[in-house]
């Protein structure tokens, strides 16, 4: 029995399938950017380029 103030769901409406949405865009084909290492990670000075 429904509680006071709660509407009864319509049986024709979809229920339980709202979370089954798939992403429709392709995966990123670019490689991830390498993380900055060592001293360059902290501080405000410009770092040398990554080799």
C-alpha atoms as a PDB file:
ATOM      1  CA  UNK A   1       0.000   0.000   0.000  1.00  0.00           C
ATOM      2  CA  UNK A   2       1.337   3.443  -0.908  1.00  0.00           C
ATOM      3  CA  UNK A   3       2.191   5.882   1.869  1.00  0.00           C
ATOM      4  CA  UNK A   4       0.250   9.109   2.178  1.00  0.00           C
ATOM      5  CA  UNK A   5       1.535  11.637  -0.370  1.00  0.00           C
ATOM      6  CA  UNK A   6       3.327   9.071  -2.545  1.00  0.00           C
ATOM      7  CA  UNK A   7       1.971   8.602  -6.045  1.00  0.00           C
ATOM      8  CA  UNK A   8       1.511   5.150  -7.443  1.00  0.00           C
ATOM      9  CA  UNK A   9       3.869   4.504 -10.386  1.00  0.00           C
ATOM     10  CA  UNK A  10       2.277   3.944 -13.763  1.00  0.00           C
ATOM     11  CA  UNK A  11       2.922   0.332 -14.867  1.00  0.00           C
ATOM     12  CA  UNK A  12       3.468   1.426 -18.483  1.00  0.00           C
ATOM     13  CA  UNK A  13       6.357   3.783 -17.548  1.00  0.00           C
ATOM     14  CA  UNK A  14       9.881   2.302 -17.659  1.00  0.00           C
ATOM     15  CA  UNK A  15      11.245   1.498 -14.214  1.00  0.00           C
ATOM     16  CA  UNK A  16      14.562  -0.043 -13.300  1.00  0.00           C
ATOM     17  CA  UNK A  17      16.053   0.748 -16.714  1.00  0.00           C
ATOM     18  CA  UNK A  18      16.901   4.427 -16.207  1.00  0.00           C
ATOM     19  CA  UNK A  19      20.513   3.603 -15.316  1.00  0.00           C
ATOM     20  CA  UNK A  20      21.139   1.465 -18.420  1.00  0.00           C
ATOM     21  CA  UNK A  21      22.215   4.404 -20.591  1.00  0.00           C
ATOM     22  CA  UNK A  22      25.347   3.797 -22.659  1.00  0.00           C
ATOM     23  CA  UNK A  23      27.843   6.494 -23.655  1.00  0.00           C
ATOM     24  CA  UNK A  24      27.605   7.181 -27.395  1.00  0.00           C
ATOM     25  CA  UNK A  25      30.988   8.818 -28.021  1.00  0.00           C
ATOM     26  CA  UNK A  26      34.190   6.950 -28.980  1.00  0.00           C
ATOM     27  CA  UNK A  27      37.021   6.373 -26.516  1.00  0.00           C
ATOM     28  CA  UNK A  28      39.916   8.828 -26.493  1.00  0.00           C
ATOM     29  CA  UNK A  29      42.648   7.507 -28.800  1.00  0.00           C
ATOM     30  CA  UNK A  30      45.328   9.954 -27.591  1.00  0.00           C
ATOM     31  CA  UNK A  31      47.898   8.743 -25.069  1.00  0.00           C
ATOM     32  CA  UNK A  32      47.820  10.372 -21.613  1.00  0.00           C
ATOM     33  CA  UNK A  33      50.188  13.268 -20.953  1.00  0.00           C
ATOM     34  CA  UNK A  34      53.213  12.214 -18.835  1.00  0.00           C
ATOM     35  CA  UNK A  35      53.155  13.460 -15.256  1.00  0.00           C
ATOM     36  CA  UNK A  36      55.676  16.126 -14.213  1.00  0.00           C
ATOM     37  CA  UNK A  37      58.474  14.565 -12.136  1.00  0.00           C
ATOM     38  CA  UNK A  38      60.555  15.757  -9.199  1.00  0.00           C
ATOM     39  CA  UNK A  39      61.173  19.405  -8.335  1.00  0.00           C
ATOM     40  CA  UNK A  40      59.125  20.685 -11.250  1.00  0.00           C
ATOM     41  CA  UNK A  41      56.035  19.286  -9.562  1.00  0.00           C
ATOM     42  CA  UNK A  42      56.247  21.808  -6.690  1.00  0.00           C
ATOM     43  CA  UNK A  43      57.152  25.466  -6.945  1.00  0.00           C
ATOM     44  CA  UNK A  44      56.455  28.278  -9.325  1.00  0.00           C
ATOM     45  CA  UNK A  45      59.643  28.346 -11.423  1.00  0.00           C
ATOM     46  CA  UNK A  46      59.432  27.248 -15.029  1.00  0.00           C
ATOM     47  CA  UNK A  47      60.478  23.623 -15.482  1.00  0.00           C
ATOM     48  CA  UNK A  48      62.769  22.175 -18.134  1.00  0.00           C
ATOM     49  CA  UNK A  49      60.992  20.357 -20.978  1.00  0.00           C
ATOM     50  CA  UNK A  50      60.272  16.651 -20.484  1.00  0.00           C
ATOM     51  CA  UNK A  51      62.566  14.452 -22.578  1.00  0.00           C
END
